[in-house]
Amino acid sequence: MVGTSEAGGESWRGRYYRLEEVQKHNNSQSTWIILHHRIYDVTKFLDEHPGGEEVLREQAGGDATENFEDVGHSTDARTLSESFIVGELHP
């Protein structure tokens, strides 16, 4: 399924995006990342990210799982990230 979705809640369940679609969201107007096969729209979080906007922008449109885990994010950060889920990577 390809389309736009509001981030957060459970409305993302059943929404699948191909990697090619995610890769299009690699700019400051639309910044998507992949974490553990889920798609996150972090556009509105760019200015608030503790590590700086550039950290997210470098991963935009791609899989940020390894970098996310390497940093060792807190439980609070992991919980917060759930509010940005818009879908899952197409199997």
PDB file of N, CA and C in Angstrom:
ATOM      1  N   MET A   1       0.840  -1.165   0.000  1.00  0.00           N
ATOM      2  CA  MET A   1       0.000   0.000   0.000  1.00  0.00           C
ATOM      3  C   MET A   1       0.888   1.231   0.000  1.00  0.00           C
ATOM      4  N   VAL A   2       0.616   2.141  -0.860  1.00  0.00           N
ATOM      5  CA  VAL A   2       1.407   3.358  -0.945  1.00  0.00           C
ATOM      6  C   VAL A   2       0.484   4.529  -0.711  1.00  0.00           C
ATOM      7  N   GLY A   3       0.927   5.460   0.105  1.00  0.00           N
ATOM      8  CA  GLY A   3       0.118   6.642   0.355  1.00  0.00           C
ATOM      9  C   GLY A   3       0.615   7.374   1.569  1.00  0.00           C
ATOM     10  N   THR A   4      -0.117   8.402   1.941  1.00  0.00           N
ATOM     11  CA  THR A   4       0.271   9.175   3.104  1.00  0.00           C
ATOM     12  C   THR A   4      -0.538   8.725   4.297  1.00  0.00           C
ATOM     13  N   SER A   5      -0.022   8.964   5.468  1.00  0.00           N
ATOM     14  CA  SER A   5      -0.673   8.552   6.700  1.00  0.00           C
ATOM     15  C   SER A   5      -0.257   9.491   7.809  1.00  0.00           C
ATOM     16  N   GLU A   6      -1.147   9.698   8.730  1.00  0.00           N
ATOM     17  CA  GLU A   6      -0.788  10.461   9.923  1.00  0.00           C
ATOM     18  C   GLU A   6       0.045   9.564  10.826  1.00  0.00           C
ATOM     19  N   ALA A   7       1.118  10.101  11.349  1.00  0.00           N
ATOM     20  CA  ALA A   7       1.987   9.326  12.226  1.00  0.00           C
ATOM     21  C   ALA A   7       1.305   9.100  13.567  1.00  0.00           C
ATOM     22  N   GLY A   8       1.669   8.012  14.207  1.00  0.00           N
ATOM     23  CA  GLY A   8       1.217   7.738  15.559  1.00  0.00           C
ATOM     24  C   GLY A   8      -0.019   6.870  15.603  1.00  0.00           C
ATOM     25  N   GLY A   9      -0.417   6.522  16.837  1.00  0.00           N
ATOM     26  CA  GLY A   9      -1.570   5.671  17.015  1.00  0.00           C
ATOM     27  C   GLY A   9      -1.331   4.301  16.421  1.00  0.00           C
ATOM     28  N   GLU A  10      -2.416   3.613  16.117  1.00  0.00           N
ATOM     29  CA  GLU A  10      -2.308   2.290  15.506  1.00  0.00           C
ATOM     30  C   GLU A  10      -2.753   2.328  14.049  1.00  0.00           C
ATOM     31  N   SER A  11      -2.995   3.507  13.514  1.00  0.00           N
ATOM     32  CA  SER A  11      -3.493   3.634  12.144  1.00  0.00           C
ATOM     33  C   SER A  11      -2.491   3.119  11.108  1.00  0.00           C
ATOM     34  N   TRP A  12      -1.256   2.911  11.501  1.00  0.00           N
ATOM     35  CA  TRP A  12      -0.220   2.441  10.579  1.00  0.00           C
ATOM     36  C   TRP A  12      -0.313   0.943  10.314  1.00  0.00           C
ATOM     37  N   ARG A  13      -0.977   0.218  11.183  1.00  0.00           N
ATOM     38  CA  ARG A  13      -1.034  -1.246  11.029  1.00  0.00           C
ATOM     39  C   ARG A  13      -1.678  -1.601   9.693  1.00  0.00           C
ATOM     40  N   GLY A  14      -1.028  -2.480   8.958  1.00  0.00           N
ATOM     41  CA  GLY A  14      -1.525  -2.897   7.663  1.00  0.00           C
ATOM     42  C   GLY A  14      -1.091  -1.999   6.513  1.00  0.00           C
ATOM     43  N   ARG A  15      -0.327  -0.953   6.809  1.00  0.00           N
ATOM     44  CA  ARG A  15       0.197  -0.078   5.758  1.00  0.00           C
ATOM     45  C   ARG A  15       1.620  -0.522   5.446  1.00  0.00           C
ATOM     46  N   TYR A  16       1.847  -0.858   4.190  1.00  0.00           N
ATOM     47  CA  TYR A  16       3.156  -1.323   3.758  1.00  0.00           C
ATOM     48  C   TYR A  16       3.701  -0.396   2.679  1.00  0.00           C
ATOM     49  N   TYR A  17       4.992  -0.134   2.767  1.00  0.00           N
ATOM     50  CA  TYR A  17       5.669   0.709   1.788  1.00  0.00           C
ATOM     51  C   TYR A  17       6.887  -0.036   1.255  1.00  0.00           C
ATOM     52  N   ARG A  18       7.102   0.082  -0.020  1.00  0.00           N
ATOM     53  CA  ARG A  18       8.303  -0.479  -0.631  1.00  0.00           C
ATOM     54  C   ARG A  18       9.477   0.459  -0.359  1.00  0.00           C
ATOM     55  N   LEU A  19      10.676  -0.103  -0.371  1.00  0.00           N
ATOM     56  CA  LEU A  19      11.877   0.676  -0.114  1.00  0.00           C
ATOM     57  C   LEU A  19      11.958   1.876  -1.061  1.00  0.00           C
ATOM     58  N   GLU A  20      11.580   1.680  -2.317  1.00  0.00           N
ATOM     59  CA  GLU A  20      11.640   2.769  -3.299  1.00  0.00           C
ATOM     60  C   GLU A  20      10.777   3.952  -2.875  1.00  0.00           C
ATOM     61  N   GLU A  21       9.652   3.691  -2.243  1.00  0.00           N
ATOM     62  CA  GLU A  21       8.779   4.770  -1.768  1.00  0.00           C
ATOM     63  C   GLU A  21       9.423   5.481  -0.575  1.00  0.00           C
ATOM     64  N   VAL A  22       9.980   4.719   0.345  1.00  0.00           N
ATOM     65  CA  VAL A  22      10.633   5.302   1.519  1.00  0.00           C
ATOM     66  C   VAL A  22      11.794   6.196   1.093  1.00  0.00           C
ATOM     67  N   GLN A  23      12.541   5.760   0.101  1.00  0.00           N
ATOM     68  CA  GLN A  23      13.713   6.501  -0.360  1.00  0.00           C
ATOM     69  C   GLN A  23      13.362   7.891  -0.886  1.00  0.00           C
ATOM     70  N   LYS A  24      12.133   8.097  -1.302  1.00  0.00           N
ATOM     71  CA  LYS A  24      11.693   9.410  -1.793  1.00  0.00           C
ATOM     72  C   LYS A  24      11.548  10.430  -0.666  1.00  0.00           C
ATOM     73  N   HIS A  25      11.437   9.954   0.560  1.00  0.00           N
ATOM     74  CA  HIS A  25      11.216  10.818   1.719  1.00  0.00           C
ATOM     75  C   HIS A  25      12.554  11.105   2.402  1.00  0.00           C
ATOM     76  N   ASN A  26      13.390  11.852   1.701  1.00  0.00           N
ATOM     77  CA  ASN A  26      14.758  12.078   2.172  1.00  0.00           C
ATOM     78  C   ASN A  26      15.120  13.564   2.206  1.00  0.00           C
ATOM     79  N   ASN A  27      14.144  14.391   2.580  1.00  0.00           N
ATOM     80  CA  ASN A  27      14.407  15.827   2.645  1.00  0.00           C
ATOM     81  C   ASN A  27      13.722  16.427   3.868  1.00  0.00           C
ATOM     82  N   SER A  28      13.953  17.693   4.119  1.00  0.00           N
ATOM     83  CA  SER A  28      13.433  18.324   5.328  1.00  0.00           C
ATOM     84  C   SER A  28      11.907  18.481   5.318  1.00  0.00           C
ATOM     85  N   GLN A  29      11.292  18.411   4.145  1.00  0.00           N
ATOM     86  CA  GLN A  29       9.831  18.487   4.073  1.00  0.00           C
ATOM     87  C   GLN A  29       9.171  17.136   4.353  1.00  0.00           C
ATOM     88  N   SER A  30       9.907  16.058   4.165  1.00  0.00           N
ATOM     89  CA  SER A  30       9.391  14.717   4.388  1.00  0.00           C
ATOM     90  C   SER A  30      10.566  13.793   4.679  1.00  0.00           C
ATOM     91  N   THR A  31      10.741  13.467   5.948  1.00  0.00           N
ATOM     92  CA  THR A  31      11.894  12.685   6.397  1.00  0.00           C
ATOM     93  C   THR A  31      11.416  11.376   7.014  1.00  0.00           C
ATOM     94  N   TRP A  32      11.608  10.289   6.286  1.00  0.00           N
ATOM     95  CA  TRP A  32      11.235   8.964   6.763  1.00  0.00           C
ATOM     96  C   TRP A  32      12.498   8.146   6.978  1.00  0.00           C
ATOM     97  N   ILE A  33      12.469   7.296   8.011  1.00  0.00           N
ATOM     98  CA  ILE A  33      13.552   6.354   8.262  1.00  0.00           C
ATOM     99  C   ILE A  33      12.945   4.980   8.544  1.00  0.00           C
ATOM    100  N   ILE A  34      13.764   3.970   8.415  1.00  0.00           N
ATOM    101  CA  ILE A  34      13.359   2.599   8.715  1.00  0.00           C
ATOM    102  C   ILE A  34      14.087   2.158   9.978  1.00  0.00           C
ATOM    103  N   LEU A  35      13.313   1.611  10.917  1.00  0.00           N
ATOM    104  CA  LEU A  35      13.872   1.001  12.128  1.00  0.00           C
ATOM    105  C   LEU A  35      13.195  -0.350  12.317  1.00  0.00           C
ATOM    106  N   HIS A  36      13.964  -1.403  12.269  1.00  0.00           N
ATOM    107  CA  HIS A  36      13.426  -2.756  12.467  1.00  0.00           C
ATOM    108  C   HIS A  36      12.215  -3.018  11.573  1.00  0.00           C
ATOM    109  N   HIS A  37      12.331  -2.680  10.301  1.00  0.00           N
ATOM    110  CA  HIS A  37      11.321  -2.938   9.269  1.00  0.00           C
ATOM    111  C   HIS A  37      10.056  -2.089   9.406  1.00  0.00           C
ATOM    112  N   ARG A  38      10.065  -1.142  10.326  1.00  0.00           N
ATOM    113  CA  ARG A  38       8.939  -0.212  10.436  1.00  0.00           C
ATOM    114  C   ARG A  38       9.371   1.140   9.880  1.00  0.00           C
ATOM    115  N   ILE A  39       8.412   1.862   9.332  1.00  0.00           N
ATOM    116  CA  ILE A  39       8.677   3.158   8.705  1.00  0.00           C
ATOM    117  C   ILE A  39       8.251   4.260   9.667  1.00  0.00           C
ATOM    118  N   TYR A  40       9.153   5.208   9.887  1.00  0.00           N
ATOM    119  CA  TYR A  40       8.915   6.317  10.810  1.00  0.00           C
ATOM    120  C   TYR A  40       8.995   7.634  10.053  1.00  0.00           C
ATOM    121  N   ASP A  41       7.978   8.476  10.229  1.00  0.00           N
ATOM    122  CA  ASP A  41       8.003   9.827   9.675  1.00  0.00           C
ATOM    123  C   ASP A  41       8.499  10.747  10.785  1.00  0.00           C
ATOM    124  N   VAL A  42       9.766  11.119  10.717  1.00  0.00           N
ATOM    125  CA  VAL A  42      10.390  11.928  11.772  1.00  0.00           C
ATOM    126  C   VAL A  42      10.497  13.406  11.387  1.00  0.00           C
ATOM    127  N   THR A  43       9.763  13.816  10.362  1.00  0.00           N
ATOM    128  CA  THR A  43       9.835  15.180   9.856  1.00  0.00           C
ATOM    129  C   THR A  43       9.623  16.211  10.963  1.00  0.00           C
ATOM    130  N   LYS A  44       8.592  16.030  11.754  1.00  0.00           N
ATOM    131  CA  LYS A  44       8.258  17.008  12.796  1.00  0.00           C
ATOM    132  C   LYS A  44       9.188  16.912  14.007  1.00  0.00           C
ATOM    133  N   PHE A  45      10.013  15.892  14.043  1.00  0.00           N
ATOM    134  CA  PHE A  45      10.933  15.687  15.166  1.00  0.00           C
ATOM    135  C   PHE A  45      12.341  16.200  14.868  1.00  0.00           C
ATOM    136  N   LEU A  46      12.589  16.610  13.640  1.00  0.00           N
ATOM    137  CA  LEU A  46      13.943  17.035  13.245  1.00  0.00           C
ATOM    138  C   LEU A  46      14.520  18.079  14.184  1.00  0.00           C
ATOM    139  N   ASP A  47      13.757  19.123  14.487  1.00  0.00           N
ATOM    140  CA  ASP A  47      14.248  20.208  15.340  1.00  0.00           C
ATOM    141  C   ASP A  47      14.406  19.808  16.802  1.00  0.00           C
ATOM    142  N   GLU A  48      13.733  18.726  17.199  1.00  0.00           N
ATOM    143  CA  GLU A  48      13.748  18.311  18.601  1.00  0.00           C
ATOM    144  C   GLU A  48      14.736  17.189  18.906  1.00  0.00           C
ATOM    145  N   HIS A  49      15.267  16.551  17.892  1.00  0.00           N
ATOM    146  CA  HIS A  49      16.140  15.402  18.110  1.00  0.00           C
ATOM    147  C   HIS A  49      17.366  15.826  18.918  1.00  0.00           C
ATOM    148  N   PRO A  50      17.606  15.166  20.058  1.00  0.00           N
ATOM    149  CA  PRO A  50      18.741  15.546  20.921  1.00  0.00           C
ATOM    150  C   PRO A  50      20.103  15.490  20.227  1.00  0.00           C
ATOM    151  N   GLY A  51      20.256  14.608  19.254  1.00  0.00           N
ATOM    152  CA  GLY A  51      21.523  14.482  18.538  1.00  0.00           C
ATOM    153  C   GLY A  51      21.653  15.443  17.371  1.00  0.00           C
ATOM    154  N   GLY A  52      20.611  16.228  17.135  1.00  0.00           N
ATOM    155  CA  GLY A  52      20.630  17.191  16.042  1.00  0.00           C
ATOM    156  C   GLY A  52      19.903  16.696  14.808  1.00  0.00           C
ATOM    157  N   GLU A  53      19.407  17.626  14.048  1.00  0.00           N
ATOM    158  CA  GLU A  53      18.664  17.327  12.826  1.00  0.00           C
ATOM    159  C   GLU A  53      19.491  16.529  11.825  1.00  0.00           C
ATOM    160  N   GLU A  54      20.780  16.862  11.734  1.00  0.00           N
ATOM    161  CA  GLU A  54      21.619  16.217  10.721  1.00  0.00           C
ATOM    162  C   GLU A  54      21.744  14.712  10.923  1.00  0.00           C
ATOM    163  N   VAL A  55      21.628  14.247  12.156  1.00  0.00           N
ATOM    164  CA  VAL A  55      21.705  12.807  12.433  1.00  0.00           C
ATOM    165  C   VAL A  55      20.559  12.086  11.722  1.00  0.00           C
ATOM    166  N   LEU A  56      19.367  12.643  11.825  1.00  0.00           N
ATOM    167  CA  LEU A  56      18.215  12.036  11.163  1.00  0.00           C
ATOM    168  C   LEU A  56      18.271  12.242   9.652  1.00  0.00           C
ATOM    169  N   ARG A  57      18.695  13.400   9.228  1.00  0.00           N
ATOM    170  CA  ARG A  57      18.758  13.699   7.793  1.00  0.00           C
ATOM    171  C   ARG A  57      19.738  12.762   7.071  1.00  0.00           C
ATOM    172  N   GLU A  58      20.826  12.386   7.745  1.00  0.00           N
ATOM    173  CA  GLU A  58      21.793  11.463   7.137  1.00  0.00           C
ATOM    174  C   GLU A  58      21.187  10.090   6.868  1.00  0.00           C
ATOM    175  N   GLN A  59      20.201   9.708   7.669  1.00  0.00           N
ATOM    176  CA  GLN A  59      19.561   8.395   7.540  1.00  0.00           C
ATOM    177  C   GLN A  59      18.271   8.447   6.735  1.00  0.00           C
ATOM    178  N   ALA A  60      17.842   9.634   6.365  1.00  0.00           N
ATOM    179  CA  ALA A  60      16.550   9.822   5.693  1.00  0.00           C
ATOM    180  C   ALA A  60      16.425   8.976   4.443  1.00  0.00           C
ATOM    181  N   GLY A  61      15.281   8.312   4.333  1.00  0.00           N
ATOM    182  CA  GLY A  61      15.006   7.484   3.167  1.00  0.00           C
ATOM    183  C   GLY A  61      15.651   6.117   3.217  1.00  0.00           C
ATOM    184  N   GLY A  62      16.250   5.765   4.334  1.00  0.00           N
ATOM    185  CA  GLY A  62      16.945   4.490   4.421  1.00  0.00           C
ATOM    186  C   GLY A  62      16.776   3.817   5.769  1.00  0.00           C
ATOM    187  N   ASP A  63      17.505   2.725   5.934  1.00  0.00           N
ATOM    188  CA  ASP A  63      17.430   1.929   7.157  1.00  0.00           C
ATOM    189  C   ASP A  63      18.402   2.472   8.199  1.00  0.00           C
ATOM    190  N   ALA A  64      17.855   2.974   9.293  1.00  0.00           N
ATOM    191  CA  ALA A  64      18.654   3.569  10.367  1.00  0.00           C
ATOM    192  C   ALA A  64      18.781   2.636  11.567  1.00  0.00           C
ATOM    193  N   THR A  65      18.363   1.395  11.419  1.00  0.00           N
ATOM    194  CA  THR A  65      18.337   0.454  12.543  1.00  0.00           C
ATOM    195  C   THR A  65      19.701   0.322  13.223  1.00  0.00           C
ATOM    196  N   GLU A  66      20.727   0.074  12.446  1.00  0.00           N
ATOM    197  CA  GLU A  66      22.055  -0.153  13.028  1.00  0.00           C
ATOM    198  C   GLU A  66      22.534   1.084  13.804  1.00  0.00           C
ATOM    199  N   ASN A  67      22.391   2.250  13.207  1.00  0.00           N
ATOM    200  CA  ASN A  67      22.818   3.479  13.892  1.00  0.00           C
ATOM    201  C   ASN A  67      21.985   3.740  15.135  1.00  0.00           C
ATOM    202  N   PHE A  68      20.684   3.486  15.060  1.00  0.00           N
ATOM    203  CA  PHE A  68      19.794   3.682  16.200  1.00  0.00           C
ATOM    204  C   PHE A  68      20.228   2.792  17.366  1.00  0.00           C
ATOM    205  N   GLU A  69      20.525   1.546  17.074  1.00  0.00           N
ATOM    206  CA  GLU A  69      20.922   0.607  18.128  1.00  0.00           C
ATOM    207  C   GLU A  69      22.333   0.895  18.636  1.00  0.00           C
ATOM    208  N   ASP A  70      23.231   1.346  17.774  1.00  0.00           N
ATOM    209  CA  ASP A  70      24.594   1.662  18.191  1.00  0.00           C
ATOM    210  C   ASP A  70      24.639   2.789  19.214  1.00  0.00           C
ATOM    211  N   VAL A  71      23.712   3.729  19.102  1.00  0.00           N
ATOM    212  CA  VAL A  71      23.679   4.869  20.015  1.00  0.00           C
ATOM    213  C   VAL A  71      23.190   4.450  21.394  1.00  0.00           C
ATOM    214  N   GLY A  72      22.391   3.408  21.465  1.00  0.00           N
ATOM    215  CA  GLY A  72      21.886   2.942  22.757  1.00  0.00           C
ATOM    216  C   GLY A  72      20.786   3.835  23.288  1.00  0.00           C
ATOM    217  N   HIS A  73      19.735   4.037  22.514  1.00  0.00           N
ATOM    218  CA  HIS A  73      18.629   4.907  22.911  1.00  0.00           C
ATOM    219  C   HIS A  73      17.931   4.393  24.164  1.00  0.00           C
ATOM    220  N   SER A  74      17.430   5.319  24.943  1.00  0.00           N
ATOM    221  CA  SER A  74      16.738   5.009  26.190  1.00  0.00           C
ATOM    222  C   SER A  74      15.360   4.406  25.923  1.00  0.00           C
ATOM    223  N   THR A  75      14.758   3.867  26.966  1.00  0.00           N
ATOM    224  CA  THR A  75      13.395   3.347  26.877  1.00  0.00           C
ATOM    225  C   THR A  75      12.443   4.469  26.498  1.00  0.00           C
ATOM    226  N   ASP A  76      12.651   5.658  27.050  1.00  0.00           N
ATOM    227  CA  ASP A  76      11.804   6.802  26.723  1.00  0.00           C
ATOM    228  C   ASP A  76      11.902   7.147  25.237  1.00  0.00           C
ATOM    229  N   ALA A  77      13.104   7.114  24.687  1.00  0.00           N
ATOM    230  CA  ALA A  77      13.293   7.413  23.263  1.00  0.00           C
ATOM    231  C   ALA A  77      12.591   6.367  22.401  1.00  0.00           C
ATOM    232  N   ARG A  78      12.679   5.122  22.811  1.00  0.00           N
ATOM    233  CA  ARG A  78      12.025   4.052  22.057  1.00  0.00           C
ATOM    234  C   ARG A  78      10.502   4.204  22.108  1.00  0.00           C
ATOM    235  N   THR A  79       9.991   4.566  23.268  1.00  0.00           N
ATOM    236  CA  THR A  79       8.552   4.780  23.413  1.00  0.00           C
ATOM    237  C   THR A  79       8.103   5.965  22.565  1.00  0.00           C
ATOM    238  N   LEU A  80       8.848   7.050  22.618  1.00  0.00           N
ATOM    239  CA  LEU A  80       8.526   8.234  21.825  1.00  0.00           C
ATOM    240  C   LEU A  80       8.529   7.911  20.336  1.00  0.00           C
ATOM    241  N   SER A  81       9.487   7.119  19.899  1.00  0.00           N
ATOM    242  CA  SER A  81       9.604   6.807  18.474  1.00  0.00           C
ATOM    243  C   SER A  81       8.357   6.114  17.937  1.00  0.00           C
ATOM    244  N   GLU A  82       7.653   5.384  18.781  1.00  0.00           N
ATOM    245  CA  GLU A  82       6.448   4.679  18.342  1.00  0.00           C
ATOM    246  C   GLU A  82       5.387   5.638  17.813  1.00  0.00           C
ATOM    247  N   SER A  83       5.411   6.878  18.273  1.00  0.00           N
ATOM    248  CA  SER A  83       4.416   7.853  17.825  1.00  0.00           C
ATOM    249  C   SER A  83       4.675   8.330  16.393  1.00  0.00           C
ATOM    250  N   PHE A  84       5.821   7.973  15.826  1.00  0.00           N
ATOM    251  CA  PHE A  84       6.173   8.405  14.475  1.00  0.00           C
ATOM    252  C   PHE A  84       5.972   7.311  13.417  1.00  0.00           C
ATOM    253  N   ILE A  85       5.518   6.133  13.818  1.00  0.00           N
ATOM    254  CA  ILE A  85       5.354   5.030  12.866  1.00  0.00           C
ATOM    255  C   ILE A  85       4.221   5.342  11.887  1.00  0.00           C
ATOM    256  N   VAL A  86       4.506   5.145  10.600  1.00  0.00           N
ATOM    257  CA  VAL A  86       3.481   5.331   9.565  1.00  0.00           C
ATOM    258  C   VAL A  86       3.191   4.036   8.800  1.00  0.00           C
ATOM    259  N   GLY A  87       4.029   3.031   8.967  1.00  0.00           N
ATOM    260  CA  GLY A  87       3.803   1.771   8.272  1.00  0.00           C
ATOM    261  C   GLY A  87       4.966   0.822   8.441  1.00  0.00           C
ATOM    262  N   GLU A  88       4.948  -0.224   7.643  1.00  0.00           N
ATOM    263  CA  GLU A  88       5.994  -1.230   7.681  1.00  0.00           C
ATOM    264  C   GLU A  88       6.601  -1.400   6.295  1.00  0.00           C
ATOM    265  N   LEU A  89       7.829  -1.863   6.282  1.00  0.00           N
ATOM    266  CA  LEU A  89       8.504  -2.139   5.020  1.00  0.00           C
ATOM    267  C   LEU A  89       7.840  -3.347   4.373  1.00  0.00           C
ATOM    268  N   HIS A  90       7.548  -3.231   3.102  1.00  0.00           N
ATOM    269  CA  HIS A  90       6.894  -4.320   2.370  1.00  0.00           C
ATOM    270  C   HIS A  90       7.784  -5.556   2.415  1.00  0.00           C
ATOM    271  N   PRO A  91       7.191  -6.708   2.792  1.00  0.00           N
ATOM    272  CA  PRO A  91       7.997  -7.940   2.889  1.00  0.00           C
ATOM    273  C   PRO A  91       8.568  -8.394   1.558  1.00  0.00           C
TER     274      PRO A  91
END
